[in-house]
Every structure is written in structure tokens, then in C-alpha cells.
Amino acid sequence: MATFNSSNTLSSTFYLSGIPGYEEFHHWISIPFCLLYLVGIMGNCTILHIVRTDPRLHQPMYYFLAMLSLTDMGMSMPTMISLFRVLWSISREIQFSTCVVQMFFIHTFSFTESSVLLAMAFDRYVAICHPLRYATILTPRLIMKIGIAALLRSACAMIPLLARLAFFPFCHSHILSHSYCLHQDMIRLACADTLFNVIYGLLLVVVLWGMDSLGIFVSYVYILHSILKIASREGRLKALNTCASHICVVLILYVPMMGLSIVHRFAKHSSPLIHIFMAHIYLLVPPVLNPIIYSVKTKQIRQGVLYLLLRTKTGSTMS
């Protein structure tokens, strides 16, 4: 461990961490992680398959749901290999270039998911406040532009932040706090002035997440205003029910996201287990729960899942 903790050379090799204090249980700890990744991958792939194959779901709401599934997998999948390499005692080493690529995917898709949630809020706003113009406003062409813009905005915003890491010397500890690479964890190890990265990273969080969350909030103000105008109680409940899944998904992303940011910036000296626990919740809970929420709360998705299961069962019985 002495060679891990200090180094007089500017080595490009870093060392990932598992669950400190529980190294002898890493193989057992990997089992629930395997199950979570399996549920997340299967759930999101099922959503993508149903939306692609069912013509009834070729509507804006479900296109955005497919985007959400893609961003969920894009945010969590890059961590899978490095996590299991650590938990299965294969290797703790990760090269600097690999670390930067992993950071790029994690942070880019994290910001992209926030943008997709804003797009989904806009979809609900148009569906409830302007139902007669829904199909003419949210055309497939516009939806495609929104998805590309969300991805490009997030990717371009991350490039200056990660490009500067190439110029930082890492002359002391090379041990990262997690089993994957995060920007806020990496700059902690740099032997250089990281003020730009700290301020720019904070601005990204405030501007991108802040703009998205503000847009979501404004959308729901207009939605609530329109719902209160509906005369019947059943009509109001039906309109609110169409937003329930989206509200749950927003909370599932933003609450762990804000918690992780607060822990990294204001609780640096707290127990490492808190940092690790918050990071895993932030990366694993949305991909696992989002498909479940939409499968339970959305009738069309639920019917698609049941049809897929029954068709698979019928096919296996006939064979």
C-alpha cells in the first residue's frame, strides 16, 4: 500500500477503491451489484424493445422514454467493468486515459439525463395545456433535434473540464475514492492549482442542472394551472396521473445527484462509506427504478411488458 499512497513520479496509473474495511467481503458484496446491473440493463432494454416494436408507442412521450433508457444505461454501464474488477480482486489499476474516458461518459450522460427530463416535462406541458396541437408541435424531427442537442450540450460542456486534467501533475496519492472515476474525486489528487476546474465544475452543475430543474418547475406550474381549470375531479386526477411517473423519475435523479454534490464539496472529511454509498445510489438507482416506475404507472408500457412475457412464454412452450 505504500507504493499506492505516495509517488515521486508523475505516473499515469491510478488505483480504484472498493468498500474500505470490507475487503474480505468484496465477493459477496458483488452479488447485489450484479443483480442491480442485471435488473437495470434488462429493464431499460425491455423499454427500448417495446417502444421500437409496438407501433402504438410511436409517440413523443415514448420516444423521450426511450431516450431516458439510453441515458440511464450510458450513465451506469461505464462503471460496471471497473467496479467488478475491484470487487472480484482482478485489478485495482486504471490508466489515466481510461479514467478520463470513463468520467466523460458518466458526467456527460448525467447532464444529458437531466436535459431529457426537461424534454419530458415539456412533453407533458404540451399534452395537457395544448392537447389539440400536441402532434403538430412535437414532431419526430423536433424530438430528434432535442435528443441530439441534449447530448451535444452535455458533451461540449465537459470537454474543457476534462481536457485540463491532462496538464495536471499527480505527484502524491494516486488512490481514488471509488471503484470508478469521477471528476471531483480526480482533482482532489492533483498537485496544481485546480481553481478553474472547481469553479467551472460548480458552474456546470448550477447552470445545466439549474436551468433544467427551473424549466421542469415552470412546466409544472403551467401544468398545474391548466389542471385546476378542469371541471371534473376525475379529469383532474387523470391529468395528474399522466405526470406521476415523470415526477418520481425527476426526484430519483435529482435527490441523489444533489446529495453527492453536497457530500463531495461540504463533507470532504466524513466517512468514506458515505461518499461511496451516495455515489452508488446516484449511478445505480435511476437505471434500476426508472423502467419499473414506467412499467407500473404507464398502462401502455405495462401492456407491452406483459405481451412480451406472454409471447416469450408461449414460444418456449411450443418449442
C-alpha atoms as a PDB file:
ATOM      1  CA  MET A   1       0.000   0.000   0.000  1.00  0.00           C
ATOM      2  CA  ALA A   2       2.973   2.327   0.494  1.00  0.00           C
ATOM      3  CA  THR A   3       3.555   2.447  -3.222  1.00  0.00           C
ATOM      4  CA  PHE A   4      -0.087   3.403  -3.717  1.00  0.00           C
ATOM      5  CA  ASN A   5      -0.122   6.225  -1.195  1.00  0.00           C
ATOM      6  CA  SER A   6       2.794   8.223  -2.488  1.00  0.00           C
ATOM      7  CA  SER A   7       4.763   8.537  -5.645  1.00  0.00           C
ATOM      8  CA  ASN A   8       7.548  10.892  -6.683  1.00  0.00           C
ATOM      9  CA  THR A   9       6.910  10.225 -10.360  1.00  0.00           C
ATOM     10  CA  LEU A  10       4.079  11.547 -12.475  1.00  0.00           C
ATOM     11  CA  SER A  11       2.621   8.095 -13.040  1.00  0.00           C
ATOM     12  CA  SER A  12      -0.413   7.721 -15.277  1.00  0.00           C
ATOM     13  CA  THR A  13      -1.705   4.763 -13.261  1.00  0.00           C
ATOM     14  CA  PHE A  14      -4.400   5.270 -10.624  1.00  0.00           C
ATOM     15  CA  TYR A  15      -5.857   2.845  -8.105  1.00  0.00           C
ATOM     16  CA  LEU A  16      -9.550   2.343  -7.574  1.00  0.00           C
ATOM     17  CA  SER A  17     -11.103   1.654  -4.174  1.00  0.00           C
ATOM     18  CA  GLY A  18     -13.753  -0.866  -3.197  1.00  0.00           C
ATOM     19  CA  ILE A  19     -15.618  -0.749   0.109  1.00  0.00           C
ATOM     20  CA  PRO A  20     -12.960   0.221   2.699  1.00  0.00           C
ATOM     21  CA  GLY A  21     -12.909  -2.032   5.734  1.00  0.00           C
ATOM     22  CA  TYR A  22     -14.911  -4.758   3.967  1.00  0.00           C
ATOM     23  CA  GLU A  23     -12.306  -6.052   1.521  1.00  0.00           C
ATOM     24  CA  GLU A  24     -12.761  -9.666   2.646  1.00  0.00           C
ATOM     25  CA  PHE A  25     -16.465  -9.437   1.765  1.00  0.00           C
ATOM     26  CA  HIS A  26     -15.997  -7.908  -1.699  1.00  0.00           C
ATOM     27  CA  HIS A  27     -17.002 -11.129  -3.483  1.00  0.00           C
ATOM     28  CA  TRP A  28     -20.253 -11.267  -1.513  1.00  0.00           C
ATOM     29  CA  ILE A  29     -20.882  -7.534  -1.959  1.00  0.00           C
ATOM     30  CA  SER A  30     -20.583  -8.018  -5.718  1.00  0.00           C
ATOM     31  CA  ILE A  31     -23.738 -10.199  -5.756  1.00  0.00           C
ATOM     32  CA  PRO A  32     -26.274  -7.395  -5.081  1.00  0.00           C
ATOM     33  CA  PHE A  33     -24.380  -5.172  -7.517  1.00  0.00           C
ATOM     34  CA  CYS A  34     -24.665  -7.908 -10.174  1.00  0.00           C
ATOM     35  CA  LEU A  35     -28.405  -8.112  -9.548  1.00  0.00           C
ATOM     36  CA  LEU A  36     -28.825  -4.324  -9.732  1.00  0.00           C
ATOM     37  CA  TYR A  37     -26.904  -4.062 -13.009  1.00  0.00           C
ATOM     38  CA  LEU A  38     -28.842  -7.028 -14.416  1.00  0.00           C
ATOM     39  CA  VAL A  39     -32.213  -5.514 -13.463  1.00  0.00           C
ATOM     40  CA  GLY A  40     -31.193  -2.124 -14.846  1.00  0.00           C
ATOM     41  CA  ILE A  41     -29.930  -3.476 -18.176  1.00  0.00           C
ATOM     42  CA  MET A  42     -32.878  -5.834 -18.679  1.00  0.00           C
ATOM     43  CA  GLY A  43     -35.427  -3.185 -17.678  1.00  0.00           C
ATOM     44  CA  ASN A  44     -34.071  -0.478 -19.968  1.00  0.00           C
ATOM     45  CA  CYS A  45     -33.542  -2.889 -22.881  1.00  0.00           C
ATOM     46  CA  THR A  46     -37.139  -4.060 -22.440  1.00  0.00           C
ATOM     47  CA  ILE A  47     -38.405  -0.466 -22.593  1.00  0.00           C
ATOM     48  CA  LEU A  48     -36.354   0.174 -25.759  1.00  0.00           C
ATOM     49  CA  HIS A  49     -37.594  -3.035 -27.379  1.00  0.00           C
ATOM     50  CA  ILE A  50     -41.257  -2.327 -26.584  1.00  0.00           C
ATOM     51  CA  VAL A  51     -41.081   1.267 -27.854  1.00  0.00           C
ATOM     52  CA  ARG A  52     -39.317   0.143 -31.048  1.00  0.00           C
ATOM     53  CA  THR A  53     -41.616  -2.788 -31.896  1.00  0.00           C
ATOM     54  CA  ASP A  54     -45.056  -1.523 -30.791  1.00  0.00           C
ATOM     55  CA  PRO A  55     -46.498   0.968 -33.357  1.00  0.00           C
ATOM     56  CA  ARG A  56     -48.933   2.280 -30.724  1.00  0.00           C
ATOM     57  CA  LEU A  57     -45.956   3.641 -28.768  1.00  0.00           C
ATOM     58  CA  HIS A  58     -44.502   5.633 -31.660  1.00  0.00           C
ATOM     59  CA  GLN A  59     -45.495   8.844 -29.904  1.00  0.00           C
ATOM     60  CA  PRO A  60     -43.421  11.712 -28.414  1.00  0.00           C
ATOM     61  CA  MET A  61     -43.862  10.596 -24.792  1.00  0.00           C
ATOM     62  CA  TYR A  62     -42.446   7.137 -25.510  1.00  0.00           C
ATOM     63  CA  TYR A  63     -39.638   8.434 -27.727  1.00  0.00           C
ATOM     64  CA  PHE A  64     -38.496  10.538 -24.774  1.00  0.00           C
ATOM     65  CA  LEU A  65     -38.840   7.485 -22.521  1.00  0.00           C
ATOM     66  CA  ALA A  66     -36.551   5.575 -24.909  1.00  0.00           C
ATOM     67  CA  MET A  67     -34.035   8.450 -24.664  1.00  0.00           C
ATOM     68  CA  LEU A  68     -34.223   8.201 -20.874  1.00  0.00           C
ATOM     69  CA  SER A  69     -33.440   4.468 -21.026  1.00  0.00           C
ATOM     70  CA  LEU A  70     -30.449   5.105 -23.292  1.00  0.00           C
ATOM     71  CA  THR A  71     -29.050   7.803 -21.000  1.00  0.00           C
ATOM     72  CA  ASP A  72     -29.629   5.591 -17.943  1.00  0.00           C
ATOM     73  CA  MET A  73     -27.500   2.858 -19.489  1.00  0.00           C
ATOM     74  CA  GLY A  74     -24.942   5.366 -20.750  1.00  0.00           C
ATOM     75  CA  MET A  75     -24.502   6.726 -17.223  1.00  0.00           C
ATOM     76  CA  SER A  76     -24.240   3.389 -15.389  1.00  0.00           C
ATOM     77  CA  MET A  77     -22.626   0.972 -17.870  1.00  0.00           C
ATOM     78  CA  PRO A  78     -19.146   2.643 -17.932  1.00  0.00           C
ATOM     79  CA  THR A  79     -18.780   1.903 -14.212  1.00  0.00           C
ATOM     80  CA  MET A  80     -19.636  -1.796 -14.440  1.00  0.00           C
ATOM     81  CA  ILE A  81     -16.310  -3.236 -15.635  1.00  0.00           C
ATOM     82  CA  SER A  82     -14.107  -1.254 -13.233  1.00  0.00           C
ATOM     83  CA  LEU A  83     -16.451  -1.965 -10.295  1.00  0.00           C
ATOM     84  CA  PHE A  84     -16.354  -5.735 -10.776  1.00  0.00           C
ATOM     85  CA  ARG A  85     -12.604  -5.713 -11.445  1.00  0.00           C
ATOM     86  CA  VAL A  86     -12.207  -4.254  -7.958  1.00  0.00           C
ATOM     87  CA  LEU A  87     -14.823  -6.380  -6.185  1.00  0.00           C
ATOM     88  CA  TRP A  88     -13.565  -9.603  -7.790  1.00  0.00           C
ATOM     89  CA  SER A  89      -9.927  -8.722  -6.941  1.00  0.00           C
ATOM     90  CA  ILE A  90      -8.893  -8.777 -10.609  1.00  0.00           C
ATOM     91  CA  SER A  91      -7.156  -5.404 -10.623  1.00  0.00           C
ATOM     92  CA  ARG A  92      -7.419  -2.031  -8.940  1.00  0.00           C
ATOM     93  CA  GLU A  93      -5.331  -0.248 -11.554  1.00  0.00           C
ATOM     94  CA  ILE A  94      -6.782   2.111 -14.131  1.00  0.00           C
ATOM     95  CA  GLN A  95      -4.846   4.188 -16.634  1.00  0.00           C
ATOM     96  CA  PHE A  96      -5.307   7.959 -16.746  1.00  0.00           C
ATOM     97  CA  SER A  97      -6.683   7.924 -20.309  1.00  0.00           C
ATOM     98  CA  THR A  98      -9.224   5.215 -19.422  1.00  0.00           C
ATOM     99  CA  CYS A  99     -10.203   7.183 -16.340  1.00  0.00           C
ATOM    100  CA  VAL A 100     -10.846  10.343 -18.372  1.00  0.00           C
ATOM    101  CA  VAL A 101     -12.988   8.437 -20.893  1.00  0.00           C
ATOM    102  CA  GLN A 102     -14.999   6.884 -18.058  1.00  0.00           C
ATOM    103  CA  MET A 103     -15.502  10.311 -16.456  1.00  0.00           C
ATOM    104  CA  PHE A 104     -16.606  11.750 -19.784  1.00  0.00           C
ATOM    105  CA  PHE A 105     -19.343   9.145 -20.234  1.00  0.00           C
ATOM    106  CA  ILE A 106     -20.554   9.285 -16.624  1.00  0.00           C
ATOM    107  CA  HIS A 107     -20.804  13.074 -16.414  1.00  0.00           C
ATOM    108  CA  THR A 108     -21.994  13.617 -19.997  1.00  0.00           C
ATOM    109  CA  PHE A 109     -24.882  11.176 -19.684  1.00  0.00           C
ATOM    110  CA  SER A 110     -25.693  12.527 -16.228  1.00  0.00           C
ATOM    111  CA  PHE A 111     -26.212  16.019 -17.668  1.00  0.00           C
ATOM    112  CA  THR A 112     -27.976  14.542 -20.709  1.00  0.00           C
ATOM    113  CA  GLU A 113     -30.443  12.699 -18.489  1.00  0.00           C
ATOM    114  CA  SER A 114     -31.304  15.977 -16.800  1.00  0.00           C
ATOM    115  CA  SER A 115     -31.988  17.508 -20.236  1.00  0.00           C
ATOM    116  CA  VAL A 116     -34.152  14.530 -21.231  1.00  0.00           C
ATOM    117  CA  LEU A 117     -36.221  15.002 -18.074  1.00  0.00           C
ATOM    118  CA  LEU A 118     -36.722  18.652 -19.067  1.00  0.00           C
ATOM    119  CA  ALA A 119     -37.863  17.498 -22.529  1.00  0.00           C
ATOM    120  CA  MET A 120     -40.277  15.044 -20.898  1.00  0.00           C
ATOM    121  CA  ALA A 121     -41.670  17.868 -18.745  1.00  0.00           C
ATOM    122  CA  PHE A 122     -42.201  19.928 -21.910  1.00  0.00           C
ATOM    123  CA  ASP A 123     -43.955  16.920 -23.457  1.00  0.00           C
ATOM    124  CA  ARG A 124     -46.373  16.751 -20.506  1.00  0.00           C
ATOM    125  CA  TYR A 125     -46.916  20.530 -20.715  1.00  0.00           C
ATOM    126  CA  VAL A 126     -47.878  20.357 -24.395  1.00  0.00           C
ATOM    127  CA  ALA A 127     -50.051  17.247 -23.875  1.00  0.00           C
ATOM    128  CA  ILE A 128     -52.060  18.848 -21.044  1.00  0.00           C
ATOM    129  CA  CYS A 129     -52.035  22.549 -21.923  1.00  0.00           C
ATOM    130  CA  HIS A 130     -52.207  22.267 -25.737  1.00  0.00           C
ATOM    131  CA  PRO A 131     -53.638  18.792 -26.456  1.00  0.00           C
ATOM    132  CA  LEU A 132     -55.015  19.688 -29.903  1.00  0.00           C
ATOM    133  CA  ARG A 133     -51.578  20.858 -31.087  1.00  0.00           C
ATOM    134  CA  TYR A 134     -49.621  18.013 -29.453  1.00  0.00           C
ATOM    135  CA  ALA A 135     -48.835  16.079 -32.653  1.00  0.00           C
ATOM    136  CA  THR A 136     -48.014  19.201 -34.673  1.00  0.00           C
ATOM    137  CA  ILE A 137     -45.669  20.686 -32.038  1.00  0.00           C
ATOM    138  CA  LEU A 138     -43.760  17.541 -31.023  1.00  0.00           C
ATOM    139  CA  THR A 139     -42.918  16.139 -34.442  1.00  0.00           C
ATOM    140  CA  PRO A 140     -40.385  13.278 -34.832  1.00  0.00           C
ATOM    141  CA  ARG A 141     -37.955  15.762 -36.404  1.00  0.00           C
ATOM    142  CA  LEU A 142     -38.151  18.093 -33.390  1.00  0.00           C
ATOM    143  CA  ILE A 143     -37.772  15.181 -30.972  1.00  0.00           C
ATOM    144  CA  MET A 144     -34.627  14.057 -32.789  1.00  0.00           C
ATOM    145  CA  LYS A 145     -33.216  17.600 -32.641  1.00  0.00           C
ATOM    146  CA  ILE A 146     -33.943  17.786 -28.896  1.00  0.00           C
ATOM    147  CA  GLY A 147     -32.128  14.493 -28.255  1.00  0.00           C
ATOM    148  CA  ILE A 148     -29.063  15.493 -30.304  1.00  0.00           C
ATOM    149  CA  ALA A 149     -28.965  18.967 -28.710  1.00  0.00           C
ATOM    150  CA  ALA A 150     -29.155  17.487 -25.198  1.00  0.00           C
ATOM    151  CA  LEU A 151     -26.239  15.132 -25.893  1.00  0.00           C
ATOM    152  CA  LEU A 152     -24.075  17.762 -27.637  1.00  0.00           C
ATOM    153  CA  ARG A 153     -24.710  20.342 -24.910  1.00  0.00           C
ATOM    154  CA  SER A 154     -23.548  17.942 -22.202  1.00  0.00           C
ATOM    155  CA  ALA A 155     -20.564  16.577 -24.156  1.00  0.00           C
ATOM    156  CA  CYS A 156     -19.247  20.004 -25.203  1.00  0.00           C
ATOM    157  CA  ALA A 157     -19.620  21.338 -21.661  1.00  0.00           C
ATOM    158  CA  MET A 158     -17.434  18.511 -20.295  1.00  0.00           C
ATOM    159  CA  ILE A 159     -14.543  18.851 -22.788  1.00  0.00           C
ATOM    160  CA  PRO A 160     -12.802  21.922 -21.228  1.00  0.00           C
ATOM    161  CA  LEU A 161     -13.110  20.427 -17.764  1.00  0.00           C
ATOM    162  CA  LEU A 162     -11.556  17.079 -18.659  1.00  0.00           C
ATOM    163  CA  ALA A 163      -9.000  18.491 -21.115  1.00  0.00           C
ATOM    164  CA  ARG A 164      -7.319  20.447 -18.309  1.00  0.00           C
ATOM    165  CA  LEU A 165      -6.723  17.224 -16.363  1.00  0.00           C
ATOM    166  CA  ALA A 166      -4.080  16.249 -18.941  1.00  0.00           C
ATOM    167  CA  PHE A 167      -1.928  19.179 -17.736  1.00  0.00           C
ATOM    168  CA  PHE A 168      -2.185  18.402 -14.013  1.00  0.00           C
ATOM    169  CA  PRO A 169       0.673  16.612 -12.238  1.00  0.00           C
ATOM    170  CA  PHE A 170      -0.478  13.884  -9.839  1.00  0.00           C
ATOM    171  CA  CYS A 171       2.660  13.620  -7.735  1.00  0.00           C
ATOM    172  CA  HIS A 172       1.287  12.297  -4.447  1.00  0.00           C
ATOM    173  CA  SER A 173      -1.590   9.900  -3.780  1.00  0.00           C
ATOM    174  CA  HIS A 174      -2.975   8.038  -6.777  1.00  0.00           C
ATOM    175  CA  ILE A 175      -5.799   6.355  -4.859  1.00  0.00           C
ATOM    176  CA  LEU A 176      -9.305   7.256  -5.987  1.00  0.00           C
ATOM    177  CA  SER A 177     -12.215   7.122  -3.539  1.00  0.00           C
ATOM    178  CA  HIS A 178     -14.488   4.977  -5.706  1.00  0.00           C
ATOM    179  CA  SER A 179     -14.387   1.933  -7.963  1.00  0.00           C
ATOM    180  CA  TYR A 180     -14.757   4.261 -10.951  1.00  0.00           C
ATOM    181  CA  CYS A 181     -13.562   7.748 -11.872  1.00  0.00           C
ATOM    182  CA  LEU A 182     -15.372  10.979 -11.018  1.00  0.00           C
ATOM    183  CA  HIS A 183     -14.021  14.439 -11.820  1.00  0.00           C
ATOM    184  CA  GLN A 184     -14.459  15.804  -8.301  1.00  0.00           C
ATOM    185  CA  ASP A 185     -12.506  12.814  -6.988  1.00  0.00           C
ATOM    186  CA  MET A 186      -9.680  13.185  -9.524  1.00  0.00           C
ATOM    187  CA  ILE A 187      -8.923  16.883  -8.973  1.00  0.00           C
ATOM    188  CA  ARG A 188      -8.558  16.179  -5.249  1.00  0.00           C
ATOM    189  CA  LEU A 189      -5.334  14.317  -6.091  1.00  0.00           C
ATOM    190  CA  ALA A 190      -3.774  16.959  -8.356  1.00  0.00           C
ATOM    191  CA  CYS A 191      -0.621  18.821  -7.298  1.00  0.00           C
ATOM    192  CA  ALA A 192      -1.618  22.005  -9.106  1.00  0.00           C
ATOM    193  CA  ASP A 193      -3.997  24.918  -8.988  1.00  0.00           C
ATOM    194  CA  THR A 194      -7.400  23.363  -9.634  1.00  0.00           C
ATOM    195  CA  LEU A 195      -9.403  26.557  -9.080  1.00  0.00           C
ATOM    196  CA  PHE A 196     -10.630  26.648 -12.698  1.00  0.00           C
ATOM    197  CA  ASN A 197     -11.880  23.069 -12.512  1.00  0.00           C
ATOM    198  CA  VAL A 198     -13.576  23.654  -9.173  1.00  0.00           C
ATOM    199  CA  ILE A 199     -15.334  26.858 -10.290  1.00  0.00           C
ATOM    200  CA  TYR A 200     -16.147  25.590 -13.801  1.00  0.00           C
ATOM    201  CA  GLY A 201     -17.476  22.301 -12.409  1.00  0.00           C
ATOM    202  CA  LEU A 202     -19.656  24.167  -9.917  1.00  0.00           C
ATOM    203  CA  LEU A 203     -20.919  26.466 -12.686  1.00  0.00           C
ATOM    204  CA  LEU A 204     -21.809  23.443 -14.831  1.00  0.00           C
ATOM    205  CA  VAL A 205     -23.876  21.983 -12.021  1.00  0.00           C
ATOM    206  CA  VAL A 206     -25.594  25.303 -11.271  1.00  0.00           C
ATOM    207  CA  VAL A 207     -26.206  26.316 -14.894  1.00  0.00           C
ATOM    208  CA  LEU A 208     -27.072  22.987 -16.550  1.00  0.00           C
ATOM    209  CA  TRP A 209     -28.885  21.247 -13.714  1.00  0.00           C
ATOM    210  CA  GLY A 210     -30.227  24.602 -12.511  1.00  0.00           C
ATOM    211  CA  MET A 211     -31.662  25.537 -15.932  1.00  0.00           C
ATOM    212  CA  ASP A 212     -33.149  22.074 -16.392  1.00  0.00           C
ATOM    213  CA  SER A 213     -34.716  21.962 -12.939  1.00  0.00           C
ATOM    214  CA  LEU A 214     -36.059  25.504 -13.377  1.00  0.00           C
ATOM    215  CA  GLY A 215     -37.561  24.524 -16.730  1.00  0.00           C
ATOM    216  CA  ILE A 216     -39.176  21.452 -15.166  1.00  0.00           C
ATOM    217  CA  PHE A 217     -40.571  23.576 -12.322  1.00  0.00           C
ATOM    218  CA  VAL A 218     -42.012  26.199 -14.707  1.00  0.00           C
ATOM    219  CA  SER A 219     -43.551  23.462 -16.874  1.00  0.00           C
ATOM    220  CA  TYR A 220     -45.350  22.016 -13.869  1.00  0.00           C
ATOM    221  CA  VAL A 221     -46.575  25.445 -12.772  1.00  0.00           C
ATOM    222  CA  TYR A 222     -48.342  25.786 -16.129  1.00  0.00           C
ATOM    223  CA  ILE A 223     -49.500  22.145 -15.983  1.00  0.00           C
ATOM    224  CA  LEU A 224     -50.982  22.596 -12.513  1.00  0.00           C
ATOM    225  CA  HIS A 225     -52.653  25.823 -13.612  1.00  0.00           C
ATOM    226  CA  SER A 226     -54.299  24.001 -16.535  1.00  0.00           C
ATOM    227  CA  ILE A 227     -55.308  21.004 -14.406  1.00  0.00           C
ATOM    228  CA  LEU A 228     -57.071  23.228 -11.863  1.00  0.00           C
ATOM    229  CA  LYS A 229     -59.226  24.568 -14.696  1.00  0.00           C
ATOM    230  CA  ILE A 230     -60.605  21.079 -15.430  1.00  0.00           C
ATOM    231  CA  ALA A 231     -64.147  20.893 -14.121  1.00  0.00           C
ATOM    232  CA  SER A 232     -64.425  17.218 -13.127  1.00  0.00           C
ATOM    233  CA  ARG A 233     -62.445  15.644 -10.303  1.00  0.00           C
ATOM    234  CA  GLU A 234     -61.873  12.521 -12.418  1.00  0.00           C
ATOM    235  CA  GLY A 235     -60.406  14.635 -15.215  1.00  0.00           C
ATOM    236  CA  ARG A 236     -58.010  16.378 -12.839  1.00  0.00           C
ATOM    237  CA  LEU A 237     -56.857  13.066 -11.349  1.00  0.00           C
ATOM    238  CA  LYS A 238     -56.390  11.541 -14.800  1.00  0.00           C
ATOM    239  CA  ALA A 239     -54.267  14.502 -15.921  1.00  0.00           C
ATOM    240  CA  LEU A 240     -52.177  14.378 -12.745  1.00  0.00           C
ATOM    241  CA  ASN A 241     -51.696  10.634 -13.127  1.00  0.00           C
ATOM    242  CA  THR A 242     -50.043  11.142 -16.533  1.00  0.00           C
ATOM    243  CA  CYS A 243     -47.358  13.220 -14.750  1.00  0.00           C
ATOM    244  CA  ALA A 244     -46.824  10.928 -11.741  1.00  0.00           C
ATOM    245  CA  SER A 245     -44.168   8.723 -13.362  1.00  0.00           C
ATOM    246  CA  HIS A 246     -42.176  11.730 -14.569  1.00  0.00           C
ATOM    247  CA  ILE A 247     -42.260  13.424 -11.156  1.00  0.00           C
ATOM    248  CA  CYS A 248     -40.959  10.225  -9.499  1.00  0.00           C
ATOM    249  CA  VAL A 249     -38.141   9.915 -12.053  1.00  0.00           C
ATOM    250  CA  VAL A 250     -37.144  13.572 -11.546  1.00  0.00           C
ATOM    251  CA  LEU A 251     -36.870  13.051  -7.786  1.00  0.00           C
ATOM    252  CA  ILE A 252     -34.921   9.798  -8.228  1.00  0.00           C
ATOM    253  CA  LEU A 253     -32.298  11.606 -10.324  1.00  0.00           C
ATOM    254  CA  TYR A 254     -32.035  14.989  -8.623  1.00  0.00           C
ATOM    255  CA  VAL A 255     -32.106  13.971  -4.948  1.00  0.00           C
ATOM    256  CA  PRO A 256     -29.057  11.602  -5.117  1.00  0.00           C
ATOM    257  CA  MET A 257     -27.354  13.994  -7.553  1.00  0.00           C
ATOM    258  CA  MET A 258     -27.611  16.920  -5.137  1.00  0.00           C
ATOM    259  CA  GLY A 259     -26.677  14.681  -2.224  1.00  0.00           C
ATOM    260  CA  LEU A 260     -23.484  13.514  -3.938  1.00  0.00           C
ATOM    261  CA  SER A 261     -22.505  17.096  -4.872  1.00  0.00           C
ATOM    262  CA  ILE A 262     -23.062  18.286  -1.300  1.00  0.00           C
ATOM    263  CA  VAL A 263     -21.065  15.393   0.173  1.00  0.00           C
ATOM    264  CA  HIS A 264     -18.099  15.979  -2.175  1.00  0.00           C
ATOM    265  CA  ARG A 265     -17.984  19.743  -1.613  1.00  0.00           C
ATOM    266  CA  PHE A 266     -19.002  20.203   2.013  1.00  0.00           C
ATOM    267  CA  ALA A 267     -18.385  16.842   3.729  1.00  0.00           C
ATOM    268  CA  LYS A 268     -14.902  16.008   2.478  1.00  0.00           C
ATOM    269  CA  HIS A 269     -13.779  14.680   5.861  1.00  0.00           C
ATOM    270  CA  SER A 270     -16.806  12.487   6.511  1.00  0.00           C
ATOM    271  CA  SER A 271     -16.636   8.690   6.446  1.00  0.00           C
ATOM    272  CA  PRO A 272     -15.549   7.266   3.043  1.00  0.00           C
ATOM    273  CA  LEU A 273     -18.537   4.916   3.236  1.00  0.00           C
ATOM    274  CA  ILE A 274     -20.882   7.918   2.931  1.00  0.00           C
ATOM    275  CA  HIS A 275     -19.158   9.065  -0.282  1.00  0.00           C
ATOM    276  CA  ILE A 276     -19.220   5.551  -1.726  1.00  0.00           C
ATOM    277  CA  PHE A 277     -22.837   4.935  -0.728  1.00  0.00           C
ATOM    278  CA  MET A 278     -24.036   8.226  -2.261  1.00  0.00           C
ATOM    279  CA  ALA A 279     -22.078   7.641  -5.489  1.00  0.00           C
ATOM    280  CA  HIS A 280     -23.573   4.169  -5.985  1.00  0.00           C
ATOM    281  CA  ILE A 281     -27.106   5.436  -5.313  1.00  0.00           C
ATOM    282  CA  TYR A 282     -26.569   8.247  -7.821  1.00  0.00           C
ATOM    283  CA  LEU A 283     -25.373   5.893 -10.587  1.00  0.00           C
ATOM    284  CA  LEU A 284     -27.419   2.746  -9.971  1.00  0.00           C
ATOM    285  CA  VAL A 285     -30.802   3.728  -8.564  1.00  0.00           C
ATOM    286  CA  PRO A 286     -32.164   5.698 -11.597  1.00  0.00           C
ATOM    287  CA  PRO A 287     -31.383   2.955 -14.187  1.00  0.00           C
ATOM    288  CA  VAL A 288     -32.954   0.310 -11.937  1.00  0.00           C
ATOM    289  CA  LEU A 289     -36.073   2.185 -10.809  1.00  0.00           C
ATOM    290  CA  ASN A 290     -36.984   4.215 -13.913  1.00  0.00           C
ATOM    291  CA  PRO A 291     -38.134   1.215 -16.024  1.00  0.00           C
ATOM    292  CA  ILE A 292     -40.012  -0.212 -13.040  1.00  0.00           C
ATOM    293  CA  ILE A 293     -41.823   3.084 -12.401  1.00  0.00           C
ATOM    294  CA  TYR A 294     -42.904   3.484 -16.024  1.00  0.00           C
ATOM    295  CA  SER A 295     -43.890  -0.184 -16.279  1.00  0.00           C
ATOM    296  CA  VAL A 296     -46.100   0.113 -13.202  1.00  0.00           C
ATOM    297  CA  LYS A 297     -47.557   3.589 -13.776  1.00  0.00           C
ATOM    298  CA  THR A 298     -47.946   3.648 -17.578  1.00  0.00           C
ATOM    299  CA  LYS A 299     -50.666   1.388 -18.957  1.00  0.00           C
ATOM    300  CA  GLN A 300     -49.228   1.105 -22.480  1.00  0.00           C
ATOM    301  CA  ILE A 301     -45.754   0.132 -21.217  1.00  0.00           C
ATOM    302  CA  ARG A 302     -47.282  -2.327 -18.748  1.00  0.00           C
ATOM    303  CA  GLN A 303     -49.305  -3.942 -21.532  1.00  0.00           C
ATOM    304  CA  GLY A 304     -46.185  -4.130 -23.707  1.00  0.00           C
ATOM    305  CA  VAL A 305     -44.194  -5.854 -20.956  1.00  0.00           C
ATOM    306  CA  LEU A 306     -46.999  -8.360 -20.312  1.00  0.00           C
ATOM    307  CA  TYR A 307     -47.349  -9.077 -24.041  1.00  0.00           C
ATOM    308  CA  LEU A 308     -43.590  -9.622 -24.323  1.00  0.00           C
ATOM    309  CA  LEU A 309     -43.593 -12.008 -21.340  1.00  0.00           C
ATOM    310  CA  LEU A 310     -46.617 -13.953 -22.610  1.00  0.00           C
ATOM    311  CA  ARG A 311     -45.158 -14.214 -26.116  1.00  0.00           C
ATOM    312  CA  THR A 312     -41.845 -15.474 -24.722  1.00  0.00           C
ATOM    313  CA  LYS A 313     -43.664 -17.994 -22.503  1.00  0.00           C
ATOM    314  CA  THR A 314     -45.831 -19.186 -25.417  1.00  0.00           C
ATOM    315  CA  GLY A 315     -42.817 -19.547 -27.658  1.00  0.00           C
ATOM    316  CA  SER A 316     -40.883 -21.598 -25.105  1.00  0.00           C
ATOM    317  CA  THR A 317     -43.951 -23.849 -24.512  1.00  0.00           C
ATOM    318  CA  MET A 318     -44.413 -24.554 -28.237  1.00  0.00           C
ATOM    319  CA  SER A 319     -40.735 -25.403 -28.665  1.00  0.00           C
END
